[in-house]
PDB file of N, CA and C in Angstrom:
ATOM      1  N   UNK A   1     -26.083 -43.338  42.535  1.00  0.00           N
ATOM      2  CA  UNK A   1     -26.706 -44.457  43.227  1.00  0.00           C
ATOM      3  C   UNK A   1     -26.055 -44.633  44.590  1.00  0.00           C
ATOM      4  N   UNK A   2     -26.862 -44.743  45.644  1.00  0.00           N
ATOM      5  CA  UNK A   2     -26.359 -44.881  47.004  1.00  0.00           C
ATOM      6  C   UNK A   2     -25.944 -46.329  47.267  1.00  0.00           C
ATOM      7  N   UNK A   3     -24.776 -46.512  47.831  1.00  0.00           N
ATOM      8  CA  UNK A   3     -24.293 -47.837  48.186  1.00  0.00           C
ATOM      9  C   UNK A   3     -24.799 -48.201  49.578  1.00  0.00           C
ATOM     10  N   UNK A   4     -24.933 -49.508  49.848  1.00  0.00           N
ATOM     11  CA  UNK A   4     -25.420 -49.966  51.146  1.00  0.00           C
ATOM     12  C   UNK A   4     -24.570 -49.445  52.301  1.00  0.00           C
ATOM     13  N   UNK A   5     -23.255 -49.308  52.089  1.00  0.00           N
ATOM     14  CA  UNK A   5     -22.391 -48.857  53.178  1.00  0.00           C
ATOM     15  C   UNK A   5     -22.551 -47.369  53.472  1.00  0.00           C
ATOM     16  N   UNK A   6     -23.307 -46.640  52.644  1.00  0.00           N
ATOM     17  CA  UNK A   6     -23.572 -45.229  52.878  1.00  0.00           C
ATOM     18  C   UNK A   6     -24.933 -44.989  53.538  1.00  0.00           C
ATOM     19  N   UNK A   7     -25.641 -46.067  53.853  1.00  0.00           N
ATOM     20  CA  UNK A   7     -26.928 -45.941  54.516  1.00  0.00           C
ATOM     21  C   UNK A   7     -26.733 -45.431  55.938  1.00  0.00           C
ATOM     22  N   UNK A   8     -27.693 -44.669  56.447  1.00  0.00           N
ATOM     23  CA  UNK A   8     -27.590 -44.249  57.843  1.00  0.00           C
ATOM     24  C   UNK A   8     -27.587 -45.488  58.743  1.00  0.00           C
ATOM     25  N   UNK A   9     -26.885 -45.430  59.833  1.00  0.00           N
ATOM     26  CA  UNK A   9     -26.765 -46.601  60.701  1.00  0.00           C
ATOM     27  C   UNK A   9     -28.024 -46.867  61.513  1.00  0.00           C
ATOM     28  N   UNK A  10     -28.900 -45.901  61.598  1.00  0.00           N
ATOM     29  CA  UNK A  10     -30.066 -46.021  62.467  1.00  0.00           C
ATOM     30  C   UNK A  10     -31.364 -46.304  61.710  1.00  0.00           C
ATOM     31  N   UNK A  11     -31.301 -47.006  60.589  1.00  0.00           N
ATOM     32  CA  UNK A  11     -32.530 -47.272  59.848  1.00  0.00           C
ATOM     33  C   UNK A  11     -33.298 -48.447  60.449  1.00  0.00           C
ATOM     34  N   UNK A  12     -34.606 -48.475  60.138  1.00  0.00           N
ATOM     35  CA  UNK A  12     -35.496 -49.558  60.546  1.00  0.00           C
ATOM     36  C   UNK A  12     -35.832 -50.332  59.278  1.00  0.00           C
ATOM     37  N   UNK A  13     -35.693 -51.629  59.323  1.00  0.00           N
ATOM     38  CA  UNK A  13     -35.972 -52.456  58.157  1.00  0.00           C
ATOM     39  C   UNK A  13     -37.466 -52.736  58.051  1.00  0.00           C
ATOM     40  N   UNK A  14     -38.008 -52.563  56.838  1.00  0.00           N
ATOM     41  CA  UNK A  14     -39.413 -52.878  56.560  1.00  0.00           C
ATOM     42  C   UNK A  14     -39.462 -53.771  55.329  1.00  0.00           C
ATOM     43  N   UNK A  15     -40.026 -54.957  55.485  1.00  0.00           N
ATOM     44  CA  UNK A  15     -40.156 -55.908  54.383  1.00  0.00           C
ATOM     45  C   UNK A  15     -41.562 -55.818  53.798  1.00  0.00           C
ATOM     46  N   UNK A  16     -41.669 -55.270  52.597  1.00  0.00           N
ATOM     47  CA  UNK A  16     -42.945 -55.191  51.904  1.00  0.00           C
ATOM     48  C   UNK A  16     -43.912 -54.211  52.541  1.00  0.00           C
ATOM     49  N   UNK A  17     -45.098 -54.077  51.947  1.00  0.00           N
ATOM     50  CA  UNK A  17     -46.083 -53.102  52.430  1.00  0.00           C
ATOM     51  C   UNK A  17     -46.570 -53.393  53.853  1.00  0.00           C
ATOM     52  N   UNK A  18     -46.702 -54.676  54.217  1.00  0.00           N
ATOM     53  CA  UNK A  18     -47.135 -55.006  55.577  1.00  0.00           C
ATOM     54  C   UNK A  18     -46.084 -54.557  56.584  1.00  0.00           C
ATOM     55  N   UNK A  19     -44.815 -54.790  56.263  1.00  0.00           N
ATOM     56  CA  UNK A  19     -43.737 -54.352  57.140  1.00  0.00           C
ATOM     57  C   UNK A  19     -43.668 -52.839  57.234  1.00  0.00           C
ATOM     58  N   UNK A  20     -43.890 -52.155  56.108  1.00  0.00           N
ATOM     59  CA  UNK A  20     -43.890 -50.688  56.107  1.00  0.00           C
ATOM     60  C   UNK A  20     -45.027 -50.159  56.975  1.00  0.00           C
ATOM     61  N   UNK A  21     -46.202 -50.753  56.853  1.00  0.00           N
ATOM     62  CA  UNK A  21     -47.338 -50.360  57.695  1.00  0.00           C
ATOM     63  C   UNK A  21     -47.014 -50.521  59.169  1.00  0.00           C
ATOM     64  N   UNK A  22     -46.411 -51.641  59.522  1.00  0.00           N
ATOM     65  CA  UNK A  22     -46.055 -51.921  60.922  1.00  0.00           C
ATOM     66  C   UNK A  22     -45.069 -50.879  61.443  1.00  0.00           C
ATOM     67  N   UNK A  23     -44.043 -50.563  60.660  1.00  0.00           N
ATOM     68  CA  UNK A  23     -43.039 -49.580  61.072  1.00  0.00           C
ATOM     69  C   UNK A  23     -43.679 -48.199  61.225  1.00  0.00           C
ATOM     70  N   UNK A  24     -44.538 -47.818  60.290  1.00  0.00           N
ATOM     71  CA  UNK A  24     -45.197 -46.517  60.376  1.00  0.00           C
ATOM     72  C   UNK A  24     -46.081 -46.429  61.620  1.00  0.00           C
ATOM     73  N   UNK A  25     -46.806 -47.494  61.929  1.00  0.00           N
ATOM     74  CA  UNK A  25     -47.625 -47.522  63.139  1.00  0.00           C
ATOM     75  C   UNK A  25     -46.753 -47.355  64.382  1.00  0.00           C
ATOM     76  N   UNK A  26     -45.600 -48.032  64.407  1.00  0.00           N
ATOM     77  CA  UNK A  26     -44.692 -47.927  65.549  1.00  0.00           C
ATOM     78  C   UNK A  26     -44.120 -46.513  65.681  1.00  0.00           C
ATOM     79  N   UNK A  27     -43.763 -45.901  64.552  1.00  0.00           N
ATOM     80  CA  UNK A  27     -43.252 -44.525  64.596  1.00  0.00           C
ATOM     81  C   UNK A  27     -44.323 -43.567  65.112  1.00  0.00           C
ATOM     82  N   UNK A  28     -45.556 -43.759  64.685  1.00  0.00           N
ATOM     83  CA  UNK A  28     -46.664 -42.919  65.138  1.00  0.00           C
ATOM     84  C   UNK A  28     -46.862 -43.065  66.646  1.00  0.00           C
ATOM     85  N   UNK A  29     -46.904 -44.288  67.122  1.00  0.00           N
ATOM     86  CA  UNK A  29     -47.120 -44.537  68.545  1.00  0.00           C
ATOM     87  C   UNK A  29     -45.986 -43.944  69.388  1.00  0.00           C
ATOM     88  N   UNK A  30     -44.746 -44.198  68.978  1.00  0.00           N
ATOM     89  CA  UNK A  30     -43.597 -43.697  69.743  1.00  0.00           C
ATOM     90  C   UNK A  30     -43.524 -42.171  69.706  1.00  0.00           C
ATOM     91  N   UNK A  31     -43.820 -41.570  68.558  1.00  0.00           N
ATOM     92  CA  UNK A  31     -43.744 -40.107  68.463  1.00  0.00           C
ATOM     93  C   UNK A  31     -44.856 -39.440  69.268  1.00  0.00           C
ATOM     94  N   UNK A  32     -46.008 -40.100  69.391  1.00  0.00           N
ATOM     95  CA  UNK A  32     -47.083 -39.570  70.233  1.00  0.00           C
ATOM     96  C   UNK A  32     -46.696 -39.598  71.709  1.00  0.00           C
ATOM     97  N   UNK A  33     -45.927 -40.592  72.103  1.00  0.00           N
ATOM     98  CA  UNK A  33     -45.560 -40.772  73.511  1.00  0.00           C
ATOM     99  C   UNK A  33     -44.297 -40.014  73.921  1.00  0.00           C
ATOM    100  N   UNK A  34     -43.399 -39.753  72.964  1.00  0.00           N
ATOM    101  CA  UNK A  34     -42.088 -39.210  73.307  1.00  0.00           C
ATOM    102  C   UNK A  34     -41.726 -38.048  72.378  1.00  0.00           C
ATOM    103  N   UNK A  35     -41.822 -36.794  72.853  1.00  0.00           N
ATOM    104  CA  UNK A  35     -41.537 -35.633  72.000  1.00  0.00           C
ATOM    105  C   UNK A  35     -40.084 -35.594  71.498  1.00  0.00           C
ATOM    106  N   UNK A  36     -39.145 -36.115  72.265  1.00  0.00           N
ATOM    107  CA  UNK A  36     -37.753 -36.147  71.817  1.00  0.00           C
ATOM    108  C   UNK A  36     -37.602 -37.128  70.657  1.00  0.00           C
ATOM    109  N   UNK A  37     -38.241 -38.289  70.764  1.00  0.00           N
ATOM    110  CA  UNK A  37     -38.237 -39.264  69.672  1.00  0.00           C
ATOM    111  C   UNK A  37     -38.864 -38.653  68.421  1.00  0.00           C
ATOM    112  N   UNK A  38     -39.946 -37.901  68.604  1.00  0.00           N
ATOM    113  CA  UNK A  38     -40.664 -37.317  67.468  1.00  0.00           C
ATOM    114  C   UNK A  38     -39.792 -36.352  66.674  1.00  0.00           C
ATOM    115  N   UNK A  39     -38.875 -35.653  67.342  1.00  0.00           N
ATOM    116  CA  UNK A  39     -38.040 -34.678  66.637  1.00  0.00           C
ATOM    117  C   UNK A  39     -36.742 -35.287  66.095  1.00  0.00           C
ATOM    118  N   UNK A  40     -36.505 -36.554  66.354  1.00  0.00           N
ATOM    119  CA  UNK A  40     -35.313 -37.231  65.822  1.00  0.00           C
ATOM    120  C   UNK A  40     -35.531 -37.612  64.363  1.00  0.00           C
ATOM    121  N   UNK A  41     -34.430 -37.853  63.652  1.00  0.00           N
ATOM    122  CA  UNK A  41     -34.546 -38.321  62.269  1.00  0.00           C
ATOM    123  C   UNK A  41     -34.842 -39.815  62.267  1.00  0.00           C
ATOM    124  N   UNK A  42     -35.745 -40.224  61.383  1.00  0.00           N
ATOM    125  CA  UNK A  42     -36.124 -41.636  61.282  1.00  0.00           C
ATOM    126  C   UNK A  42     -35.977 -42.081  59.828  1.00  0.00           C
ATOM    127  N   UNK A  43     -35.306 -43.198  59.651  1.00  0.00           N
ATOM    128  CA  UNK A  43     -35.085 -43.759  58.320  1.00  0.00           C
ATOM    129  C   UNK A  43     -35.621 -45.180  58.280  1.00  0.00           C
ATOM    130  N   UNK A  44     -36.276 -45.494  57.172  1.00  0.00           N
ATOM    131  CA  UNK A  44     -36.780 -46.852  56.936  1.00  0.00           C
ATOM    132  C   UNK A  44     -36.077 -47.386  55.690  1.00  0.00           C
ATOM    133  N   UNK A  45     -35.518 -48.588  55.796  1.00  0.00           N
ATOM    134  CA  UNK A  45     -34.998 -49.274  54.618  1.00  0.00           C
ATOM    135  C   UNK A  45     -36.099 -50.221  54.171  1.00  0.00           C
ATOM    136  N   UNK A  46     -36.752 -49.860  53.080  1.00  0.00           N
ATOM    137  CA  UNK A  46     -37.876 -50.633  52.549  1.00  0.00           C
ATOM    138  C   UNK A  46     -37.358 -51.614  51.516  1.00  0.00           C
ATOM    139  N   UNK A  47     -37.759 -52.880  51.657  1.00  0.00           N
ATOM    140  CA  UNK A  47     -37.347 -53.907  50.690  1.00  0.00           C
ATOM    141  C   UNK A  47     -38.554 -54.722  50.248  1.00  0.00           C
ATOM    142  N   UNK A  48     -38.595 -54.978  48.970  1.00  0.00           N
ATOM    143  CA  UNK A  48     -39.587 -55.881  48.391  1.00  0.00           C
ATOM    144  C   UNK A  48     -38.970 -56.475  47.132  1.00  0.00           C
ATOM    145  N   UNK A  49     -38.711 -57.763  47.165  1.00  0.00           N
ATOM    146  CA  UNK A  49     -37.997 -58.451  46.080  1.00  0.00           C
ATOM    147  C   UNK A  49     -36.707 -57.688  45.747  1.00  0.00           C
ATOM    148  N   UNK A  50     -36.555 -57.198  44.507  1.00  0.00           N
ATOM    149  CA  UNK A  50     -35.310 -56.510  44.131  1.00  0.00           C
ATOM    150  C   UNK A  50     -35.349 -55.008  44.422  1.00  0.00           C
ATOM    151  N   UNK A  51     -36.460 -54.533  44.954  1.00  0.00           N
ATOM    152  CA  UNK A  51     -36.585 -53.110  45.284  1.00  0.00           C
ATOM    153  C   UNK A  51     -35.986 -52.858  46.664  1.00  0.00           C
ATOM    154  N   UNK A  52     -35.179 -51.817  46.748  1.00  0.00           N
ATOM    155  CA  UNK A  52     -34.600 -51.391  48.017  1.00  0.00           C
ATOM    156  C   UNK A  52     -34.615 -49.872  48.007  1.00  0.00           C
ATOM    157  N   UNK A  53     -35.239 -49.276  49.021  1.00  0.00           N
ATOM    158  CA  UNK A  53     -35.369 -47.820  49.051  1.00  0.00           C
ATOM    159  C   UNK A  53     -35.197 -47.316  50.475  1.00  0.00           C
ATOM    160  N   UNK A  54     -34.678 -46.128  50.572  1.00  0.00           N
ATOM    161  CA  UNK A  54     -34.543 -45.450  51.855  1.00  0.00           C
ATOM    162  C   UNK A  54     -35.664 -44.421  51.952  1.00  0.00           C
ATOM    163  N   UNK A  55     -36.407 -44.479  53.035  1.00  0.00           N
ATOM    164  CA  UNK A  55     -37.501 -43.548  53.266  1.00  0.00           C
ATOM    165  C   UNK A  55     -37.195 -42.787  54.547  1.00  0.00           C
ATOM    166  N   UNK A  56     -37.102 -41.467  54.442  1.00  0.00           N
ATOM    167  CA  UNK A  56     -36.911 -40.627  55.621  1.00  0.00           C
ATOM    168  C   UNK A  56     -38.282 -40.126  56.055  1.00  0.00           C
ATOM    169  N   UNK A  57     -38.535 -40.181  57.366  1.00  0.00           N
ATOM    170  CA  UNK A  57     -39.837 -39.781  57.891  1.00  0.00           C
ATOM    171  C   UNK A  57     -39.643 -38.680  58.931  1.00  0.00           C
ATOM    172  N   UNK A  58     -40.300 -37.548  58.708  1.00  0.00           N
ATOM    173  CA  UNK A  58     -40.311 -36.465  59.681  1.00  0.00           C
ATOM    174  C   UNK A  58     -41.556 -36.655  60.539  1.00  0.00           C
ATOM    175  N   UNK A  59     -41.346 -37.049  61.799  1.00  0.00           N
ATOM    176  CA  UNK A  59     -42.458 -37.326  62.709  1.00  0.00           C
ATOM    177  C   UNK A  59     -42.718 -36.174  63.672  1.00  0.00           C
ATOM    178  N   UNK A  60     -42.107 -35.018  63.414  1.00  0.00           N
ATOM    179  CA  UNK A  60     -42.218 -33.909  64.355  1.00  0.00           C
ATOM    180  C   UNK A  60     -43.599 -33.248  64.351  1.00  0.00           C
ATOM    181  N   UNK A  61     -44.359 -33.419  63.277  1.00  0.00           N
ATOM    182  CA  UNK A  61     -45.730 -32.898  63.233  1.00  0.00           C
ATOM    183  C   UNK A  61     -46.562 -33.784  62.331  1.00  0.00           C
ATOM    184  N   UNK A  62     -47.875 -33.680  62.520  1.00  0.00           N
ATOM    185  CA  UNK A  62     -48.785 -34.501  61.711  1.00  0.00           C
ATOM    186  C   UNK A  62     -49.476 -33.623  60.697  1.00  0.00           C
ATOM    187  N   UNK A  63     -49.749 -34.128  59.529  1.00  0.00           N
ATOM    188  CA  UNK A  63     -49.316 -35.433  59.051  1.00  0.00           C
ATOM    189  C   UNK A  63     -47.803 -35.477  58.836  1.00  0.00           C
ATOM    190  N   UNK A  64     -47.237 -36.670  59.029  1.00  0.00           N
ATOM    191  CA  UNK A  64     -45.804 -36.851  58.826  1.00  0.00           C
ATOM    192  C   UNK A  64     -45.421 -36.473  57.397  1.00  0.00           C
ATOM    193  N   UNK A  65     -44.139 -36.146  57.212  1.00  0.00           N
ATOM    194  CA  UNK A  65     -43.602 -35.865  55.872  1.00  0.00           C
ATOM    195  C   UNK A  65     -42.619 -36.970  55.510  1.00  0.00           C
ATOM    196  N   UNK A  66     -42.598 -37.312  54.223  1.00  0.00           N
ATOM    197  CA  UNK A  66     -41.775 -38.419  53.748  1.00  0.00           C
ATOM    198  C   UNK A  66     -40.870 -37.979  52.612  1.00  0.00           C
ATOM    199  N   UNK A  67     -39.670 -38.550  52.570  1.00  0.00           N
ATOM    200  CA  UNK A  67     -38.742 -38.422  51.445  1.00  0.00           C
ATOM    201  C   UNK A  67     -38.380 -39.835  51.033  1.00  0.00           C
ATOM    202  N   UNK A  68     -38.363 -40.067  49.741  1.00  0.00           N
ATOM    203  CA  UNK A  68     -38.159 -41.414  49.205  1.00  0.00           C
ATOM    204  C   UNK A  68     -36.939 -41.412  48.296  1.00  0.00           C
ATOM    205  N   UNK A  69     -36.054 -42.379  48.510  1.00  0.00           N
ATOM    206  CA  UNK A  69     -34.884 -42.524  47.650  1.00  0.00           C
ATOM    207  C   UNK A  69     -34.681 -43.999  47.345  1.00  0.00           C
ATOM    208  N   UNK A  70     -34.970 -44.386  46.108  1.00  0.00           N
ATOM    209  CA  UNK A  70     -34.753 -45.757  45.669  1.00  0.00           C
ATOM    210  C   UNK A  70     -33.258 -45.953  45.429  1.00  0.00           C
ATOM    211  N   UNK A  71     -32.708 -47.034  45.928  1.00  0.00           N
ATOM    212  CA  UNK A  71     -31.267 -47.257  45.818  1.00  0.00           C
ATOM    213  C   UNK A  71     -30.817 -47.549  44.393  1.00  0.00           C
ATOM    214  N   UNK A  72     -31.764 -47.817  43.492  1.00  0.00           N
ATOM    215  CA  UNK A  72     -31.425 -47.982  42.076  1.00  0.00           C
ATOM    216  C   UNK A  72     -31.910 -46.799  41.244  1.00  0.00           C
ATOM    217  N   UNK A  73     -32.386 -45.746  41.906  1.00  0.00           N
ATOM    218  CA  UNK A  73     -32.787 -44.528  41.211  1.00  0.00           C
ATOM    219  C   UNK A  73     -34.162 -44.559  40.580  1.00  0.00           C
ATOM    220  N   UNK A  74     -34.963 -45.544  40.917  1.00  0.00           N
ATOM    221  CA  UNK A  74     -36.312 -45.632  40.334  1.00  0.00           C
ATOM    222  C   UNK A  74     -37.297 -44.793  41.144  1.00  0.00           C
ATOM    223  N   UNK A  75     -38.424 -44.411  40.545  1.00  0.00           N
ATOM    224  CA  UNK A  75     -39.443 -43.682  41.313  1.00  0.00           C
ATOM    225  C   UNK A  75     -40.143 -44.627  42.294  1.00  0.00           C
ATOM    226  N   UNK A  76     -40.827 -44.060  43.250  1.00  0.00           N
ATOM    227  CA  UNK A  76     -41.591 -44.857  44.212  1.00  0.00           C
ATOM    228  C   UNK A  76     -42.664 -45.651  43.478  1.00  0.00           C
ATOM    229  N   UNK A  77     -42.870 -46.877  43.903  1.00  0.00           N
ATOM    230  CA  UNK A  77     -43.889 -47.721  43.278  1.00  0.00           C
ATOM    231  C   UNK A  77     -45.272 -47.317  43.752  1.00  0.00           C
ATOM    232  N   UNK A  78     -46.284 -47.734  43.000  1.00  0.00           N
ATOM    233  CA  UNK A  78     -47.670 -47.457  43.391  1.00  0.00           C
ATOM    234  C   UNK A  78     -47.989 -48.074  44.753  1.00  0.00           C
ATOM    235  N   UNK A  79     -47.421 -49.240  45.035  1.00  0.00           N
ATOM    236  CA  UNK A  79     -47.678 -49.918  46.302  1.00  0.00           C
ATOM    237  C   UNK A  79     -47.118 -49.125  47.489  1.00  0.00           C
ATOM    238  N   UNK A  80     -45.921 -48.593  47.351  1.00  0.00           N
ATOM    239  CA  UNK A  80     -45.333 -47.773  48.416  1.00  0.00           C
ATOM    240  C   UNK A  80     -46.158 -46.500  48.592  1.00  0.00           C
ATOM    241  N   UNK A  81     -46.494 -45.840  47.492  1.00  0.00           N
ATOM    242  CA  UNK A  81     -47.291 -44.611  47.574  1.00  0.00           C
ATOM    243  C   UNK A  81     -48.642 -44.877  48.226  1.00  0.00           C
ATOM    244  N   UNK A  82     -49.283 -45.970  47.849  1.00  0.00           N
ATOM    245  CA  UNK A  82     -50.596 -46.300  48.404  1.00  0.00           C
ATOM    246  C   UNK A  82     -50.498 -46.617  49.893  1.00  0.00           C
ATOM    247  N   UNK A  83     -49.462 -47.324  50.290  1.00  0.00           N
ATOM    248  CA  UNK A  83     -49.284 -47.667  51.703  1.00  0.00           C
ATOM    249  C   UNK A  83     -49.091 -46.412  52.543  1.00  0.00           C
ATOM    250  N   UNK A  84     -48.237 -45.511  52.080  1.00  0.00           N
ATOM    251  CA  UNK A  84     -47.993 -44.263  52.810  1.00  0.00           C
ATOM    252  C   UNK A  84     -49.245 -43.382  52.800  1.00  0.00           C
ATOM    253  N   UNK A  85     -49.916 -43.279  51.663  1.00  0.00           N
ATOM    254  CA  UNK A  85     -51.123 -42.453  51.568  1.00  0.00           C
ATOM    255  C   UNK A  85     -52.216 -42.962  52.505  1.00  0.00           C
ATOM    256  N   UNK A  86     -52.416 -44.258  52.556  1.00  0.00           N
ATOM    257  CA  UNK A  86     -53.439 -44.823  53.444  1.00  0.00           C
ATOM    258  C   UNK A  86     -53.085 -44.563  54.912  1.00  0.00           C
ATOM    259  N   UNK A  87     -51.807 -44.719  55.251  1.00  0.00           N
ATOM    260  CA  UNK A  87     -51.361 -44.436  56.617  1.00  0.00           C
ATOM    261  C   UNK A  87     -51.633 -42.969  56.971  1.00  0.00           C
ATOM    262  N   UNK A  88     -51.232 -42.053  56.085  1.00  0.00           N
ATOM    263  CA  UNK A  88     -51.428 -40.628  56.348  1.00  0.00           C
ATOM    264  C   UNK A  88     -52.912 -40.297  56.500  1.00  0.00           C
ATOM    265  N   UNK A  89     -53.733 -40.853  55.625  1.00  0.00           N
ATOM    266  CA  UNK A  89     -55.164 -40.539  55.608  1.00  0.00           C
ATOM    267  C   UNK A  89     -55.890 -41.125  56.817  1.00  0.00           C
ATOM    268  N   UNK A  90     -55.639 -42.394  57.104  1.00  0.00           N
ATOM    269  CA  UNK A  90     -56.390 -43.093  58.136  1.00  0.00           C
ATOM    270  C   UNK A  90     -55.854 -42.896  59.548  1.00  0.00           C
ATOM    271  N   UNK A  91     -54.536 -42.732  59.690  1.00  0.00           N
ATOM    272  CA  UNK A  91     -53.954 -42.771  61.030  1.00  0.00           C
ATOM    273  C   UNK A  91     -53.169 -41.531  61.429  1.00  0.00           C
ATOM    274  N   UNK A  92     -52.781 -40.712  60.466  1.00  0.00           N
ATOM    275  CA  UNK A  92     -51.808 -39.669  60.776  1.00  0.00           C
ATOM    276  C   UNK A  92     -52.319 -38.245  60.543  1.00  0.00           C
ATOM    277  N   UNK A  93     -53.631 -38.067  60.510  1.00  0.00           N
ATOM    278  CA  UNK A  93     -54.180 -36.728  60.522  1.00  0.00           C
ATOM    279  C   UNK A  93     -54.482 -36.081  59.187  1.00  0.00           C
ATOM    280  N   UNK A  94     -54.170 -36.723  58.072  1.00  0.00           N
ATOM    281  CA  UNK A  94     -54.430 -36.092  56.773  1.00  0.00           C
ATOM    282  C   UNK A  94     -55.929 -35.944  56.518  1.00  0.00           C
ATOM    283  N   UNK A  95     -56.712 -36.932  56.920  1.00  0.00           N
ATOM    284  CA  UNK A  95     -58.159 -36.867  56.715  1.00  0.00           C
ATOM    285  C   UNK A  95     -58.759 -35.695  57.507  1.00  0.00           C
ATOM    286  N   UNK A  96     -58.358 -35.571  58.770  1.00  0.00           N
ATOM    287  CA  UNK A  96     -58.866 -34.494  59.611  1.00  0.00           C
ATOM    288  C   UNK A  96     -58.451 -33.134  59.068  1.00  0.00           C
ATOM    289  N   UNK A  97     -57.208 -33.010  58.621  1.00  0.00           N
ATOM    290  CA  UNK A  97     -56.720 -31.764  58.043  1.00  0.00           C
ATOM    291  C   UNK A  97     -57.520 -31.388  56.798  1.00  0.00           C
ATOM    292  N   UNK A  98     -57.742 -32.364  55.925  1.00  0.00           N
ATOM    293  CA  UNK A  98     -58.518 -32.125  54.711  1.00  0.00           C
ATOM    294  C   UNK A  98     -59.944 -31.683  55.055  1.00  0.00           C
ATOM    295  N   UNK A  99     -60.590 -32.401  55.975  1.00  0.00           N
ATOM    296  CA  UNK A  99     -61.964 -32.065  56.332  1.00  0.00           C
ATOM    297  C   UNK A  99     -62.049 -30.680  56.967  1.00  0.00           C
ATOM    298  N   UNK A 100     -61.075 -30.341  57.804  1.00  0.00           N
ATOM    299  CA  UNK A 100     -61.045 -29.024  58.426  1.00  0.00           C
ATOM    300  C   UNK A 100     -60.864 -27.921  57.374  1.00  0.00           C
ATOM    301  N   UNK A 101     -59.930 -28.132  56.451  1.00  0.00           N
ATOM    302  CA  UNK A 101     -59.696 -27.132  55.398  1.00  0.00           C
ATOM    303  C   UNK A 101     -60.906 -27.019  54.473  1.00  0.00           C
ATOM    304  N   UNK A 102     -61.519 -28.152  54.141  1.00  0.00           N
ATOM    305  CA  UNK A 102     -62.687 -28.149  53.265  1.00  0.00           C
ATOM    306  C   UNK A 102     -63.859 -27.452  53.946  1.00  0.00           C
ATOM    307  N   UNK A 103     -64.017 -27.710  55.225  1.00  0.00           N
ATOM    308  CA  UNK A 103     -65.085 -27.076  55.998  1.00  0.00           C
ATOM    309  C   UNK A 103     -64.881 -25.551  56.039  1.00  0.00           C
ATOM    310  N   UNK A 104     -63.636 -25.111  56.193  1.00  0.00           N
ATOM    311  CA  UNK A 104     -63.322 -23.687  56.271  1.00  0.00           C
ATOM    312  C   UNK A 104     -63.605 -22.986  54.952  1.00  0.00           C
ATOM    313  N   UNK A 105     -63.324 -23.658  53.828  1.00  0.00           N
ATOM    314  CA  UNK A 105     -63.494 -23.010  52.522  1.00  0.00           C
ATOM    315  C   UNK A 105     -64.933 -23.071  52.022  1.00  0.00           C
ATOM    316  N   UNK A 106     -65.755 -23.951  52.597  1.00  0.00           N
ATOM    317  CA  UNK A 106     -67.115 -24.094  52.094  1.00  0.00           C
ATOM    318  C   UNK A 106     -68.113 -23.197  52.841  1.00  0.00           C
ATOM    319  N   UNK A 107     -67.626 -22.376  53.731  1.00  0.00           N
ATOM    320  CA  UNK A 107     -68.543 -21.482  54.473  1.00  0.00           C
ATOM    321  C   UNK A 107     -68.778 -20.195  53.744  1.00  0.00           C
TER     322      UNK A 107
END
């Protein structure tokens, strides 16, 4: 189990799914504007009630890649998965990638 004092110093705090959505939107906007920012490591400390998790986001290419580590060792909740999935699908290129791949295989 990871202790709070072992967290990376450069994390962004996200409170609940709305906060996570806001942080993801900000990471997308900044990575689109700044290639150096896009290749940096980004960590989100996600909190909702007693849940606390560290989410690492690779913004160097779209769709972004995510790693999830709950500080109590639990799996990602459905709400976190749904929030990230909706972000990837609607805003971060997963829908376009899927449609392009589907179009290529259906010819």
